[in-house]
Amino acid sequence: MISEKSKEIIENYIKAYNAFDINTMVSLLHKEILFRNFSNGEINTETKGIQEFRELAEKSSKVFSSRCQTVMDYSVVDKKITVQIDYAAILAVDLPTGLKSGDKIQLKGKSVFVISEGKISLIEDYS
């Protein structure tokens, strides 16, 4: 069972993410935050520490004109909180993959969070 405090921290993070509010996102992170993004089972992005995370968040925010993570479900195993996510975004730029500015992306994924000392110390995104 997820604690109300942990749920509130995660929901505030997702709300800030959806609003492109990088300062609030970063304020919820542990100073030694570890972020990993997995695509097709492989890590394609990893940051360590708040500065690296902030740089990635600022760069990523320019890729989308809108984005929305919607929480579908929570589960907890040991200290890891898994959040099932529906994700929708509209691109603000053309990507090397052939997707163009204005294209809509929709996918289902999950994010794994660990909360340490009242802050998010791990985020792993899977899509």
C-alpha atoms as a PDB file:
ATOM      1  CA  MET A   1       0.000   0.000   0.000  1.00  0.00           C
ATOM      2  CA  ILE A   2       1.304   3.416  -0.940  1.00  0.00           C
ATOM      3  CA  SER A   3       1.476   6.008   1.828  1.00  0.00           C
ATOM      4  CA  GLU A   4      -0.533   9.197   1.362  1.00  0.00           C
ATOM      5  CA  LYS A   5       2.680  11.251   1.620  1.00  0.00           C
ATOM      6  CA  SER A   6       4.434   9.248  -1.127  1.00  0.00           C
ATOM      7  CA  LYS A   7       1.344   9.419  -3.334  1.00  0.00           C
ATOM      8  CA  GLU A   8       1.161  13.191  -2.836  1.00  0.00           C
ATOM      9  CA  ILE A   9       4.851  13.632  -3.769  1.00  0.00           C
ATOM     10  CA  ILE A  10       4.435  11.554  -6.947  1.00  0.00           C
ATOM     11  CA  GLU A  11       1.194  13.280  -7.947  1.00  0.00           C
ATOM     12  CA  ASN A  12       2.799  16.712  -7.420  1.00  0.00           C
ATOM     13  CA  TYR A  13       5.754  15.644  -9.561  1.00  0.00           C
ATOM     14  CA  ILE A  14       3.476  14.427 -12.387  1.00  0.00           C
ATOM     15  CA  LYS A  15       1.367  17.597 -12.178  1.00  0.00           C
ATOM     16  CA  ALA A  16       4.541  19.709 -12.477  1.00  0.00           C
ATOM     17  CA  TYR A  17       5.779  17.519 -15.357  1.00  0.00           C
ATOM     18  CA  ASN A  18       2.511  17.993 -17.252  1.00  0.00           C
ATOM     19  CA  ALA A  19       2.738  21.783 -16.697  1.00  0.00           C
ATOM     20  CA  PHE A  20       6.425  21.999 -17.787  1.00  0.00           C
ATOM     21  CA  ASP A  21       7.148  23.340 -14.268  1.00  0.00           C
ATOM     22  CA  ILE A  22      10.771  22.261 -13.999  1.00  0.00           C
ATOM     23  CA  ASN A  23      11.440  24.202 -10.777  1.00  0.00           C
ATOM     24  CA  THR A  24       8.669  22.345  -8.946  1.00  0.00           C
ATOM     25  CA  MET A  25       9.773  19.012 -10.439  1.00  0.00           C
ATOM     26  CA  VAL A  26      13.319  19.587  -9.195  1.00  0.00           C
ATOM     27  CA  SER A  27      12.114  20.751  -5.753  1.00  0.00           C
ATOM     28  CA  LEU A  28      10.603  17.295  -5.225  1.00  0.00           C
ATOM     29  CA  LEU A  29      13.858  15.470  -6.003  1.00  0.00           C
ATOM     30  CA  HIS A  30      16.519  14.102  -3.676  1.00  0.00           C
ATOM     31  CA  LYS A  31      19.898  15.744  -4.319  1.00  0.00           C
ATOM     32  CA  GLU A  32      21.219  12.387  -5.564  1.00  0.00           C
ATOM     33  CA  ILE A  33      18.273  11.662  -7.885  1.00  0.00           C
ATOM     34  CA  LEU A  34      18.890   8.834 -10.340  1.00  0.00           C
ATOM     35  CA  PHE A  35      16.775   8.982 -13.498  1.00  0.00           C
ATOM     36  CA  ARG A  36      16.662   6.293 -16.175  1.00  0.00           C
ATOM     37  CA  ASN A  37      14.521   6.017 -19.278  1.00  0.00           C
ATOM     38  CA  PHE A  38      14.013   2.564 -20.780  1.00  0.00           C
ATOM     39  CA  SER A  39      12.702   2.036 -24.293  1.00  0.00           C
ATOM     40  CA  ASN A  40      12.199  -1.467 -25.666  1.00  0.00           C
ATOM     41  CA  GLY A  41      13.944  -2.886 -22.592  1.00  0.00           C
ATOM     42  CA  GLU A  42      17.138  -0.833 -22.929  1.00  0.00           C
ATOM     43  CA  ILE A  43      18.324   2.295 -21.106  1.00  0.00           C
ATOM     44  CA  ASN A  44      18.451   5.175 -23.578  1.00  0.00           C
ATOM     45  CA  THR A  45      18.870   8.020 -21.055  1.00  0.00           C
ATOM     46  CA  GLU A  46      20.357   8.243 -17.563  1.00  0.00           C
ATOM     47  CA  THR A  47      21.081  11.199 -15.294  1.00  0.00           C
ATOM     48  CA  LYS A  48      22.609  11.392 -11.816  1.00  0.00           C
ATOM     49  CA  GLY A  49      22.037  14.341  -9.527  1.00  0.00           C
ATOM     50  CA  ILE A  50      19.782  17.365  -9.724  1.00  0.00           C
ATOM     51  CA  GLN A  51      21.884  19.372 -12.213  1.00  0.00           C
ATOM     52  CA  GLU A  52      21.942  16.599 -14.848  1.00  0.00           C
ATOM     53  CA  PHE A  53      18.225  15.992 -14.305  1.00  0.00           C
ATOM     54  CA  ARG A  54      17.410  19.701 -14.680  1.00  0.00           C
ATOM     55  CA  GLU A  55      19.411  19.918 -17.928  1.00  0.00           C
ATOM     56  CA  LEU A  56      17.543  16.924 -19.371  1.00  0.00           C
ATOM     57  CA  ALA A  57      14.160  18.286 -18.213  1.00  0.00           C
ATOM     58  CA  GLU A  58      14.855  21.676 -19.812  1.00  0.00           C
ATOM     59  CA  LYS A  59      15.978  20.074 -23.071  1.00  0.00           C
ATOM     60  CA  SER A  60      12.990  17.682 -23.110  1.00  0.00           C
ATOM     61  CA  SER A  61      10.488  20.472 -22.439  1.00  0.00           C
ATOM     62  CA  LYS A  62      11.378  22.061 -25.783  1.00  0.00           C
ATOM     63  CA  VAL A  63      10.456  18.870 -27.690  1.00  0.00           C
ATOM     64  CA  PHE A  64       6.739  19.018 -26.793  1.00  0.00           C
ATOM     65  CA  SER A  65       4.088  21.688 -27.154  1.00  0.00           C
ATOM     66  CA  SER A  66       1.935  19.727 -24.693  1.00  0.00           C
ATOM     67  CA  ARG A  67       2.307  16.543 -22.687  1.00  0.00           C
ATOM     68  CA  CYS A  68       0.191  14.703 -20.174  1.00  0.00           C
ATOM     69  CA  GLN A  69       0.885  11.745 -17.955  1.00  0.00           C
ATOM     70  CA  THR A  70      -2.276  10.245 -16.469  1.00  0.00           C
ATOM     71  CA  VAL A  71      -1.926   7.852 -13.527  1.00  0.00           C
ATOM     72  CA  MET A  72      -3.946   4.694 -14.072  1.00  0.00           C
ATOM     73  CA  ASP A  73      -2.786   2.593 -11.105  1.00  0.00           C
ATOM     74  CA  TYR A  74      -0.249   2.333  -8.271  1.00  0.00           C
ATOM     75  CA  SER A  75       1.512  -0.715  -6.862  1.00  0.00           C
ATOM     76  CA  VAL A  76       4.276  -1.076  -4.290  1.00  0.00           C
ATOM     77  CA  VAL A  77       6.942  -3.772  -3.964  1.00  0.00           C
ATOM     78  CA  ASP A  78       9.526  -3.231  -1.250  1.00  0.00           C
ATOM     79  CA  LYS A  79      10.332   0.489  -1.492  1.00  0.00           C
ATOM     80  CA  LYS A  80       9.588   0.807  -5.220  1.00  0.00           C
ATOM     81  CA  ILE A  81       6.317   2.451  -6.216  1.00  0.00           C
ATOM     82  CA  THR A  82       5.201   1.521  -9.725  1.00  0.00           C
ATOM     83  CA  VAL A  83       2.791   3.876 -11.441  1.00  0.00           C
ATOM     84  CA  GLN A  84       0.963   2.751 -14.581  1.00  0.00           C
ATOM     85  CA  ILE A  85       0.797   5.726 -16.944  1.00  0.00           C
ATOM     86  CA  ASP A  86      -1.187   6.724 -20.014  1.00  0.00           C
ATOM     87  CA  TYR A  87       0.930   9.257 -21.896  1.00  0.00           C
ATOM     88  CA  ALA A  88      -0.094  11.717 -24.587  1.00  0.00           C
ATOM     89  CA  ALA A  89       1.984  14.483 -26.111  1.00  0.00           C
ATOM     90  CA  ILE A  90       2.154  16.768 -29.113  1.00  0.00           C
ATOM     91  CA  LEU A  91       5.550  17.361 -30.678  1.00  0.00           C
ATOM     92  CA  ALA A  92       6.894  20.900 -30.990  1.00  0.00           C
ATOM     93  CA  VAL A  93       9.810  19.854 -33.221  1.00  0.00           C
ATOM     94  CA  ASP A  94      10.577  17.346 -35.962  1.00  0.00           C
ATOM     95  CA  LEU A  95      12.365  14.229 -34.682  1.00  0.00           C
ATOM     96  CA  PRO A  96      14.992  12.130 -36.464  1.00  0.00           C
ATOM     97  CA  THR A  97      12.566   9.181 -36.234  1.00  0.00           C
ATOM     98  CA  GLY A  98      10.374  10.813 -38.877  1.00  0.00           C
ATOM     99  CA  LEU A  99       7.779  12.205 -36.473  1.00  0.00           C
ATOM    100  CA  LYS A 100       6.945  15.826 -37.248  1.00  0.00           C
ATOM    101  CA  SER A 101       6.053  18.915 -35.254  1.00  0.00           C
ATOM    102  CA  GLY A 102       2.340  18.740 -34.450  1.00  0.00           C
ATOM    103  CA  ASP A 103       2.253  14.925 -34.441  1.00  0.00           C
ATOM    104  CA  LYS A 104       0.513  13.350 -31.454  1.00  0.00           C
ATOM    105  CA  ILE A 105       2.189  10.587 -29.471  1.00  0.00           C
ATOM    106  CA  GLN A 106       0.120   8.227 -27.309  1.00  0.00           C
ATOM    107  CA  LEU A 107       1.486   5.311 -25.335  1.00  0.00           C
ATOM    108  CA  LYS A 108       1.114   3.295 -22.193  1.00  0.00           C
ATOM    109  CA  GLY A 109       4.028   2.871 -19.866  1.00  0.00           C
ATOM    110  CA  LYS A 110       5.066   2.825 -16.272  1.00  0.00           C
ATOM    111  CA  SER A 111       7.237   4.860 -13.973  1.00  0.00           C
ATOM    112  CA  VAL A 112       8.991   3.458 -10.921  1.00  0.00           C
ATOM    113  CA  PHE A 113       9.681   5.831  -8.036  1.00  0.00           C
ATOM    114  CA  VAL A 114      11.626   5.504  -4.787  1.00  0.00           C
ATOM    115  CA  ILE A 115      11.080   8.084  -2.052  1.00  0.00           C
ATOM    116  CA  SER A 116      14.000   8.718   0.337  1.00  0.00           C
ATOM    117  CA  GLU A 117      14.076  11.361   3.067  1.00  0.00           C
ATOM    118  CA  GLY A 118      10.770  12.774   1.779  1.00  0.00           C
ATOM    119  CA  LYS A 119      12.126  13.314  -1.756  1.00  0.00           C
ATOM    120  CA  ILE A 120      12.116  11.306  -4.999  1.00  0.00           C
ATOM    121  CA  SER A 121      15.495   9.525  -5.200  1.00  0.00           C
ATOM    122  CA  LEU A 122      14.796   7.255  -8.196  1.00  0.00           C
ATOM    123  CA  ILE A 123      12.680   7.593 -11.321  1.00  0.00           C
ATOM    124  CA  GLU A 124      12.677   4.863 -13.954  1.00  0.00           C
ATOM    125  CA  ASP A 125      10.425   5.390 -16.977  1.00  0.00           C
ATOM    126  CA  TYR A 126       9.490   2.408 -19.154  1.00  0.00           C
ATOM    127  CA  SER A 127       7.792   2.617 -22.523  1.00  0.00           C
END
